[in-house]
Amino acid sequence: MKSLLFLAFLYFIQGLPYGLQSRFLPIYFRTHGMSLTDISMFKLLLIPWMCKALWAPFVDTYGTKKLWLTWSMVGLIFTCFLGSFTSPDHIGELGVVMFLFNLITSTQDIAVDGIAIQVLTSSELAYGNIAQVVGYKFGAIFGGGVLSWLSDYVEWTILFICLALVYVFSLIFVQIFVHPPQQLKSEIDEQEKENDYMERKLMPGMKSTFQQIYNTPGTLWIMMFVIIYKLGEQGALSMVPMFLIDKKIPASWVGFWTGMVGQGVSICGSVLGGWAISHLGYATSKTLKLTCILRVIPLSLQIFVVWTWSEEMSSVSSLLSVFAMSAMLFISGTVTTATFTLMMQCSQRAPPTVQSTHYTVLATLEVLGKLTFSVILGPLTEILGYNFIFVLFIILTSIVLLMFQKFPSLSVSKTIVTNKNS
């Protein structure tokens, strides 16, 4: 239980900048007249999450996971200090700050994922992914919802000072109260002894590392799946707030329902998904397939709202839109938990020395698919219009279902789990 709470806290820390960038800033920018294309281009600042697999072997090789956590917290405190001198009206300066946030948190994520893979047994994977998804989303709620709400009452500088204090507390927590499980300590000690040898062998070893990743059973299928499984869903969830803003729905109302309430509903879905897999014993594959099918229902309702919107019925239509989005977020939470459980199951089948990097590669591809699509989403929406872009979303969501015809077997053998915990 302590390990799960620790992981949830670390993922919460990582979710703070994401909530600020994905929930608060888009609504702020749109209400101040920024085009959908420019808002989408701002998401290019998430590029470090796409590229983190390139330096994942470095994080695995040098130092310990706790050391990387410590310096990443220090970096986040420094970034908050820089952020206190910016404002949403200064795009260039804010862009530098957000890029630093993404660079540091993406590196921190490698270390945290490595800890999760090492300390969780096969029976704890779903619970571990509840901690991951729920912790991250609570961070997003705080960064996107709570900070958005506070922005009406306090200055921008104070917001970043508050954020810095959260990271200071996190640094103290990691240094004083965190005691890694014995198997993690053993892994750290062994890794420290081998650092000198690995320094000499790093470059030749990188080719071998990625070869072992590719050869892990089920990896190719999951790589393809995580790239496309969120495209339609993520597109809809990103465009619904913009659609409502453009229909003159108050930004505070949109931010509250699509940010704080929406993410709360998503957390409930994540918990349900993990509980169904871990406690009720539902197969990850069946849970994932069922929830992917169910996503089509709220998305269809959202299309109905977009196509039938009228000023006379705007109050009813906006409520229907929020209801459809909430249902989508609930199902999305379950889909995410099931998918990340599947990713960890696959990573545990990889050789122990590359498990952290294996999971990082899969997580990077998951971000790559969403980020690439989100960058072109703005200009694509301006070309097609809201009506037809939502039709594209449901087509992309339906295409994912075809992949389940060749679903791989990813049960983790006892031998692999034993190796992981040795």
Protein backbone atom coordinates (compact mmCIF):
# COMPACT_ATOMS: atom_id res chain seq x y z
CA MET A 1 0.00 0.00 0.00
CA LYS A 2 2.86 2.41 0.81
CA SER A 3 4.35 1.82 -2.62
CA LEU A 4 1.02 2.62 -4.30
CA LEU A 5 0.57 5.83 -2.30
CA PHE A 6 4.13 6.84 -3.09
CA LEU A 7 3.60 6.25 -6.82
CA ALA A 8 0.28 8.13 -6.78
CA PHE A 9 1.99 11.11 -5.16
CA LEU A 10 4.82 11.15 -7.72
CA TYR A 11 2.38 10.95 -10.64
CA PHE A 12 0.35 13.76 -9.03
CA ILE A 13 3.45 15.94 -9.17
CA GLN A 14 3.89 15.14 -12.86
CA GLY A 15 0.28 16.02 -13.66
CA LEU A 16 0.46 19.60 -12.38
CA PRO A 17 2.14 21.21 -15.43
CA TYR A 18 0.02 19.12 -17.81
CA GLY A 19 -3.20 20.43 -16.26
CA LEU A 20 -1.93 23.98 -16.50
CA GLN A 21 -0.98 23.56 -20.16
CA SER A 22 -3.87 21.42 -21.41
CA ARG A 23 -6.84 22.67 -19.33
CA PHE A 24 -6.25 26.25 -18.23
CA LEU A 25 -4.21 27.84 -21.04
CA PRO A 26 -6.31 26.68 -24.08
CA ILE A 27 -9.50 28.14 -22.59
CA TYR A 28 -7.67 31.32 -21.61
CA PHE A 29 -6.14 31.69 -25.07
CA ARG A 30 -9.42 31.01 -26.89
CA THR A 31 -11.37 33.54 -24.83
CA HIS A 32 -8.70 36.10 -25.73
CA GLY A 33 -9.06 35.45 -29.46
CA MET A 34 -6.22 33.03 -30.23
CA SER A 35 -6.91 30.81 -33.26
CA LEU A 36 -7.34 27.05 -32.96
CA THR A 37 -4.23 26.62 -35.11
CA ASP A 38 -2.06 28.68 -32.74
CA ILE A 39 -3.47 26.87 -29.70
CA SER A 40 -2.62 23.53 -31.33
CA MET A 41 0.91 24.67 -32.16
CA PHE A 42 1.42 25.52 -28.47
CA LYS A 43 1.20 21.79 -27.81
CA LEU A 44 4.53 21.33 -29.58
CA LEU A 45 6.01 22.20 -26.20
CA LEU A 46 5.12 18.62 -25.22
CA ILE A 47 7.84 17.31 -27.56
CA PRO A 48 10.08 16.17 -24.65
CA TRP A 49 7.42 13.55 -23.85
CA MET A 50 7.80 12.25 -27.41
CA CYS A 51 11.58 12.12 -27.24
CA LYS A 52 12.16 10.84 -23.71
CA ALA A 53 12.85 7.31 -24.99
CA LEU A 54 16.10 8.69 -26.43
CA TRP A 55 17.51 9.46 -22.98
CA ALA A 56 15.72 6.70 -21.06
CA PRO A 57 18.77 4.36 -21.31
CA PHE A 58 20.86 7.19 -19.82
CA VAL A 59 18.48 7.53 -16.86
CA ASP A 60 18.52 3.74 -16.40
CA THR A 61 22.33 3.62 -16.52
CA TYR A 62 23.59 6.57 -14.49
CA GLY A 63 22.76 7.22 -10.85
CA THR A 64 19.75 5.91 -8.98
CA LYS A 65 16.04 6.49 -9.41
CA LYS A 66 15.93 8.48 -6.16
CA LEU A 67 18.78 10.70 -7.36
CA TRP A 68 16.90 11.48 -10.57
CA LEU A 69 13.75 12.23 -8.57
CA THR A 70 15.69 14.60 -6.31
CA TRP A 71 17.25 16.64 -9.09
CA SER A 72 14.03 16.73 -11.08
CA MET A 73 12.24 18.24 -8.06
CA VAL A 74 14.99 20.85 -7.76
CA GLY A 75 14.59 21.62 -11.46
CA LEU A 76 10.82 22.02 -11.08
CA ILE A 77 11.28 24.44 -8.16
CA PHE A 78 13.66 26.50 -10.30
CA THR A 79 11.20 26.45 -13.21
CA CYS A 80 8.40 27.70 -10.94
CA PHE A 81 10.71 30.54 -9.91
CA LEU A 82 11.13 31.49 -13.58
CA GLY A 83 7.39 31.09 -14.18
CA SER A 84 6.60 33.62 -11.45
CA PHE A 85 8.09 36.33 -13.72
CA THR A 86 5.88 35.45 -16.71
CA SER A 87 2.17 35.80 -17.55
CA PRO A 88 -0.22 34.21 -20.09
CA ASP A 89 0.05 37.41 -22.13
CA HIS A 90 3.77 36.89 -22.77
CA ILE A 91 3.67 33.82 -25.03
CA GLY A 92 7.41 33.53 -25.64
CA GLU A 93 8.44 33.59 -21.99
CA LEU A 94 5.58 31.32 -20.99
CA GLY A 95 6.57 28.90 -23.76
CA VAL A 96 10.11 28.59 -22.35
CA VAL A 97 8.74 27.86 -18.88
CA MET A 98 6.27 25.24 -20.13
CA PHE A 99 9.00 23.58 -22.22
CA LEU A 100 11.21 23.30 -19.13
CA PHE A 101 8.29 21.83 -17.18
CA ASN A 102 7.77 19.19 -19.88
CA LEU A 103 11.48 18.40 -20.21
CA ILE A 104 11.94 17.88 -16.46
CA THR A 105 8.68 16.00 -15.79
CA SER A 106 9.20 13.71 -18.80
CA THR A 107 12.65 12.78 -17.45
CA GLN A 108 11.21 12.34 -13.98
CA ASP A 109 8.56 10.05 -15.48
CA ILE A 110 11.27 7.64 -16.68
CA ALA A 111 12.54 7.22 -13.12
CA VAL A 112 9.05 6.87 -11.64
CA ASP A 113 8.01 4.29 -14.27
CA GLY A 114 11.18 2.36 -13.53
CA ILE A 115 10.33 2.28 -9.84
CA ALA A 116 6.77 1.16 -10.59
CA ILE A 117 7.90 -1.74 -12.78
CA GLN A 118 10.40 -2.88 -10.15
CA VAL A 119 8.20 -2.73 -7.06
CA LEU A 120 4.85 -3.93 -8.43
CA THR A 121 4.05 -7.63 -8.66
CA SER A 122 1.89 -8.98 -11.47
CA SER A 123 -1.17 -8.97 -9.19
CA GLU A 124 -0.56 -5.30 -8.31
CA LEU A 125 -0.24 -3.97 -11.86
CA ALA A 126 -3.82 -2.75 -12.21
CA TYR A 127 -3.72 -1.14 -8.75
CA GLY A 128 -0.39 0.43 -9.70
CA ASN A 129 -1.93 1.87 -12.82
CA ILE A 130 -4.84 3.22 -10.79
CA ALA A 131 -2.20 5.04 -8.73
CA GLN A 132 -0.54 6.23 -11.93
CA VAL A 133 -3.62 7.41 -13.81
CA VAL A 134 -5.54 8.75 -10.80
CA GLY A 135 -2.50 10.50 -9.32
CA TYR A 136 -1.69 12.12 -12.67
CA LYS A 137 -5.29 13.24 -13.20
CA PHE A 138 -5.53 14.70 -9.71
CA GLY A 139 -2.41 16.66 -10.60
CA ALA A 140 -4.08 17.78 -13.82
CA ILE A 141 -7.19 18.83 -11.88
CA PHE A 142 -5.05 20.85 -9.49
CA GLY A 143 -2.95 22.37 -12.26
CA GLY A 144 -5.84 23.02 -14.64
CA GLY A 145 -8.87 23.43 -12.38
CA VAL A 146 -7.74 24.71 -8.99
CA LEU A 147 -5.09 27.04 -10.40
CA SER A 148 -7.62 28.32 -12.95
CA TRP A 149 -10.05 29.07 -10.15
CA LEU A 150 -7.35 30.73 -8.04
CA SER A 151 -6.30 32.87 -11.01
CA ASP A 152 -9.49 34.92 -10.51
CA TYR A 153 -8.39 35.86 -6.99
CA VAL A 154 -4.57 35.94 -6.90
CA GLU A 155 -1.83 37.14 -9.19
CA TRP A 156 0.02 34.90 -11.64
CA THR A 157 3.20 35.22 -9.56
CA ILE A 158 1.45 33.88 -6.46
CA LEU A 159 0.18 30.86 -8.43
CA PHE A 160 3.72 29.83 -9.34
CA ILE A 161 4.95 30.42 -5.81
CA CYS A 162 2.21 28.09 -4.56
CA LEU A 163 3.27 25.54 -7.17
CA ALA A 164 6.91 25.89 -6.07
CA LEU A 165 5.90 25.20 -2.46
CA VAL A 166 4.22 21.96 -3.59
CA TYR A 167 7.48 20.87 -5.21
CA VAL A 168 9.49 21.87 -2.12
CA PHE A 169 7.24 19.66 -0.01
CA SER A 170 7.69 16.87 -2.58
CA LEU A 171 11.47 17.18 -2.39
CA ILE A 172 11.39 16.91 1.40
CA PHE A 173 9.00 13.97 1.17
CA VAL A 174 11.28 12.07 -1.21
CA GLN A 175 14.39 12.71 0.90
CA ILE A 176 13.03 11.96 4.35
CA PHE A 177 9.94 9.76 4.20
CA VAL A 178 10.50 7.57 1.15
CA HIS A 179 12.08 4.21 1.84
CA PRO A 180 12.20 2.06 -1.31
CA PRO A 181 11.32 -1.62 -0.95
CA GLN A 182 14.23 -4.04 -0.43
CA GLN A 183 14.24 -5.31 -4.01
CA LEU A 184 14.58 -1.73 -5.27
CA LYS A 185 17.51 -1.10 -2.91
CA SER A 186 19.22 -4.24 -4.16
CA GLU A 187 18.70 -3.14 -7.74
CA ILE A 188 20.14 0.29 -6.94
CA ASP A 189 23.21 -1.12 -5.20
CA GLU A 190 23.88 -3.48 -8.07
CA GLN A 191 23.40 -0.70 -10.58
CA GLU A 192 25.86 1.57 -8.77
CA LYS A 193 28.51 -1.15 -8.88
CA GLU A 194 28.05 -1.61 -12.62
CA ASN A 195 28.02 2.08 -13.57
CA ASP A 196 31.71 2.17 -14.53
CA TYR A 197 31.29 -0.84 -16.79
CA MET A 198 28.11 0.52 -18.38
CA GLU A 199 29.75 3.87 -19.10
CA ARG A 200 32.21 2.06 -21.37
CA LYS A 201 29.51 -0.05 -23.00
CA LEU A 202 26.64 2.45 -23.30
CA MET A 203 26.71 3.18 -27.02
CA PRO A 204 27.04 -0.45 -28.21
CA GLY A 205 24.45 -1.39 -25.58
CA MET A 206 21.82 1.03 -26.87
CA LYS A 207 21.43 -0.93 -30.10
CA SER A 208 21.08 -4.14 -28.13
CA THR A 209 18.59 -2.48 -25.77
CA PHE A 210 16.20 -1.45 -28.51
CA GLN A 211 16.60 -4.82 -30.20
CA GLN A 212 15.53 -6.56 -26.99
CA ILE A 213 12.59 -4.17 -26.70
CA TYR A 214 11.41 -4.93 -30.22
CA ASN A 215 11.79 -8.70 -29.72
CA THR A 216 9.64 -8.74 -26.55
CA PRO A 217 6.41 -10.67 -27.31
CA GLY A 218 3.42 -8.42 -28.01
CA THR A 219 5.49 -5.25 -28.29
CA LEU A 220 4.79 -4.51 -31.97
CA TRP A 221 1.01 -4.82 -31.52
CA ILE A 222 0.98 -2.57 -28.45
CA MET A 223 3.19 -0.03 -30.23
CA MET A 224 0.64 0.24 -33.03
CA PHE A 225 -2.29 0.29 -30.61
CA VAL A 226 -1.03 3.05 -28.28
CA ILE A 227 -0.30 5.32 -31.25
CA ILE A 228 -3.90 5.31 -32.52
CA TYR A 229 -6.20 4.27 -29.66
CA LYS A 230 -6.72 7.80 -28.29
CA LEU A 231 -6.90 9.83 -31.50
CA GLY A 232 -10.67 10.13 -31.90
CA GLU A 233 -11.33 10.34 -28.19
CA GLN A 234 -8.62 12.90 -27.49
CA GLY A 235 -9.68 14.98 -30.46
CA ALA A 236 -13.26 15.16 -29.18
CA LEU A 237 -12.22 15.96 -25.62
CA SER A 238 -9.94 18.75 -26.86
CA MET A 239 -12.48 20.33 -29.20
CA VAL A 240 -15.60 20.24 -27.00
CA PRO A 241 -14.37 23.10 -24.74
CA MET A 242 -13.34 25.13 -27.81
CA PHE A 243 -16.74 24.45 -29.41
CA LEU A 244 -18.58 25.65 -26.31
CA ILE A 245 -16.39 28.76 -26.00
CA ASP A 246 -17.12 29.60 -29.64
CA LYS A 247 -20.84 29.24 -28.89
CA LYS A 248 -20.47 32.00 -26.28
CA ILE A 249 -20.75 29.69 -23.26
CA PRO A 250 -18.96 31.39 -20.30
CA ALA A 251 -15.33 30.30 -19.92
CA SER A 252 -15.71 29.79 -16.16
CA TRP A 253 -18.61 27.39 -16.74
CA VAL A 254 -16.72 25.50 -19.45
CA GLY A 255 -13.57 25.30 -17.34
CA PHE A 256 -15.45 24.01 -14.32
CA TRP A 257 -17.38 21.25 -16.10
CA THR A 258 -14.74 20.14 -18.60
CA GLY A 259 -11.84 20.61 -16.17
CA MET A 260 -12.56 19.87 -12.54
CA VAL A 261 -15.80 17.88 -12.90
CA GLY A 262 -14.69 16.14 -16.09
CA GLN A 263 -11.39 15.01 -14.65
CA GLY A 264 -13.12 13.87 -11.46
CA VAL A 265 -15.41 11.67 -13.55
CA SER A 266 -12.38 10.38 -15.45
CA ILE A 267 -10.72 9.41 -12.17
CA CYS A 268 -13.82 7.39 -11.23
CA GLY A 269 -13.52 5.55 -14.53
CA SER A 270 -9.84 4.85 -13.91
CA VAL A 271 -10.57 3.45 -10.45
CA LEU A 272 -13.38 1.28 -11.82
CA GLY A 273 -11.15 -0.10 -14.56
CA GLY A 274 -8.35 -1.00 -12.16
CA TRP A 275 -10.77 -2.50 -9.65
CA ALA A 276 -12.44 -4.63 -12.32
CA ILE A 277 -9.08 -6.01 -13.48
CA SER A 278 -7.43 -6.50 -10.08
CA HIS A 279 -10.32 -7.26 -7.73
CA LEU A 280 -12.95 -8.83 -9.97
CA GLY A 281 -10.40 -10.62 -12.13
CA TYR A 282 -11.64 -9.29 -15.49
CA ALA A 283 -9.16 -9.95 -18.27
CA THR A 284 -7.32 -6.81 -19.38
CA SER A 285 -8.03 -7.60 -23.03
CA LYS A 286 -11.80 -7.98 -22.54
CA THR A 287 -12.02 -4.85 -20.38
CA LEU A 288 -10.11 -2.85 -22.96
CA LYS A 289 -12.17 -4.09 -25.89
CA LEU A 290 -15.51 -3.47 -24.17
CA THR A 291 -14.64 0.07 -23.12
CA CYS A 292 -13.28 0.92 -26.57
CA ILE A 293 -16.65 -0.13 -28.01
CA LEU A 294 -18.58 1.91 -25.41
CA ARG A 295 -16.70 5.09 -26.37
CA VAL A 296 -18.72 5.27 -29.57
CA ILE A 297 -21.97 5.97 -27.65
CA PRO A 298 -21.13 9.33 -25.97
CA LEU A 299 -19.20 10.39 -29.07
CA SER A 300 -22.34 9.82 -31.15
CA LEU A 301 -24.31 12.00 -28.71
CA GLN A 302 -21.66 14.69 -29.02
CA ILE A 303 -22.00 14.64 -32.80
CA PHE A 304 -25.78 15.02 -32.42
CA VAL A 305 -25.25 18.11 -30.22
CA VAL A 306 -22.80 19.69 -32.65
CA TRP A 307 -24.99 19.12 -35.71
CA THR A 308 -28.24 20.28 -34.07
CA TRP A 309 -26.98 23.25 -32.05
CA SER A 310 -29.23 26.31 -32.03
CA GLU A 311 -29.10 29.55 -30.07
CA GLU A 312 -32.64 29.01 -28.78
CA MET A 313 -31.68 25.64 -27.26
CA SER A 314 -28.13 26.54 -26.28
CA SER A 315 -28.67 25.91 -22.56
CA VAL A 316 -30.02 22.40 -23.18
CA SER A 317 -27.44 21.65 -25.86
CA SER A 318 -24.56 22.76 -23.63
CA LEU A 319 -25.78 20.47 -20.85
CA LEU A 320 -26.06 17.56 -23.30
CA SER A 321 -22.55 18.33 -24.55
CA VAL A 322 -21.14 18.31 -21.03
CA PHE A 323 -23.00 15.09 -20.23
CA ALA A 324 -21.62 13.40 -23.35
CA MET A 325 -18.12 14.62 -22.54
CA SER A 326 -18.39 13.40 -18.95
CA ALA A 327 -19.52 9.96 -20.14
CA MET A 328 -16.61 9.93 -22.59
CA LEU A 329 -14.17 10.89 -19.83
CA PHE A 330 -15.51 8.16 -17.53
CA ILE A 331 -15.02 5.51 -20.22
CA SER A 332 -11.70 7.08 -21.18
CA GLY A 333 -10.44 6.63 -17.61
CA THR A 334 -11.18 2.90 -17.79
CA VAL A 335 -9.56 2.63 -21.23
CA THR A 336 -6.43 4.39 -20.00
CA THR A 337 -6.03 2.18 -16.92
CA ALA A 338 -6.53 -0.99 -18.95
CA THR A 339 -4.08 0.17 -21.61
CA PHE A 340 -1.34 1.10 -19.16
CA THR A 341 -1.86 -2.20 -17.33
CA LEU A 342 -1.37 -3.95 -20.65
CA MET A 343 1.77 -1.91 -21.29
CA MET A 344 3.25 -2.93 -17.93
CA GLN A 345 2.34 -6.57 -18.55
CA CYS A 346 4.24 -6.39 -21.81
CA SER A 347 7.21 -4.60 -20.21
CA GLN A 348 7.48 -7.27 -17.53
CA ARG A 349 8.02 -9.80 -20.32
CA ALA A 350 11.10 -7.86 -21.44
CA PRO A 351 14.55 -8.70 -19.99
CA PRO A 352 14.88 -7.08 -16.51
CA THR A 353 17.72 -4.80 -17.64
CA VAL A 354 15.52 -3.05 -20.24
CA GLN A 355 12.10 -3.14 -18.60
CA SER A 356 12.12 0.54 -17.63
CA THR A 357 13.24 1.62 -21.10
CA HIS A 358 10.71 -0.76 -22.70
CA TYR A 359 7.86 0.87 -20.80
CA THR A 360 9.22 4.33 -21.57
CA VAL A 361 9.21 3.55 -25.30
CA LEU A 362 5.58 2.45 -25.15
CA ALA A 363 4.59 5.52 -23.10
CA THR A 364 6.47 7.75 -25.55
CA LEU A 365 4.61 6.29 -28.52
CA GLU A 366 1.33 6.83 -26.65
CA VAL A 367 2.19 10.51 -26.28
CA LEU A 368 3.50 10.66 -29.86
CA GLY A 369 0.15 9.60 -31.30
CA LYS A 370 -1.86 12.07 -29.23
CA LEU A 371 0.56 14.97 -29.64
CA THR A 372 0.99 14.61 -33.39
CA PHE A 373 -2.75 14.58 -33.90
CA SER A 374 -3.34 17.46 -31.47
CA VAL A 375 -0.89 19.67 -33.36
CA ILE A 376 -2.76 19.28 -36.65
CA LEU A 377 -6.16 19.26 -34.94
CA GLY A 378 -6.52 23.04 -34.81
CA PRO A 379 -5.91 23.79 -38.49
CA LEU A 380 -7.87 20.67 -39.47
CA THR A 381 -10.88 21.90 -37.47
CA GLU A 382 -10.67 25.34 -39.04
CA ILE A 383 -10.71 23.71 -42.49
CA LEU A 384 -13.43 21.10 -41.91
CA GLY A 385 -15.51 22.88 -39.27
CA TYR A 386 -16.81 21.37 -36.05
CA ASN A 387 -19.51 19.29 -37.77
CA PHE A 388 -17.19 17.23 -39.91
CA ILE A 389 -14.25 17.08 -37.51
CA PHE A 390 -16.44 15.23 -35.00
CA VAL A 391 -17.42 12.76 -37.72
CA LEU A 392 -13.70 12.15 -38.23
CA PHE A 393 -13.33 11.53 -34.50
CA ILE A 394 -15.91 8.74 -34.47
CA ILE A 395 -14.32 7.16 -37.56
CA LEU A 396 -10.91 7.09 -35.85
CA THR A 397 -12.46 5.67 -32.68
CA SER A 398 -14.15 2.88 -34.65
CA ILE A 399 -10.97 1.96 -36.57
CA VAL A 400 -9.26 1.03 -33.28
CA LEU A 401 -11.74 -1.84 -32.82
CA LEU A 402 -10.28 -3.64 -35.84
CA MET A 403 -7.00 -4.20 -33.98
CA PHE A 404 -8.64 -6.53 -31.44
CA GLN A 405 -8.88 -9.21 -34.11
CA LYS A 406 -5.17 -9.93 -33.52
CA PHE A 407 -4.86 -9.28 -29.80
CA PRO A 408 -1.63 -10.79 -28.35
CA SER A 409 -1.35 -12.96 -25.24
CA LEU A 410 0.49 -11.02 -22.56
CA SER A 411 0.18 -13.07 -19.39
CA VAL A 412 3.29 -12.56 -17.29
CA SER A 413 5.08 -15.74 -16.42
CA LYS A 414 6.22 -16.48 -12.88
CA THR A 415 9.81 -16.64 -14.04
CA ILE A 416 9.68 -13.07 -15.30
CA VAL A 417 8.07 -11.79 -12.13
CA THR A 418 10.70 -13.59 -10.04
CA ASN A 419 13.48 -12.02 -12.07
CA LYS A 420 11.91 -8.61 -11.61
CA ASN A 421 11.82 -8.92 -7.85
CA SER A 422 15.22 -10.54 -7.42
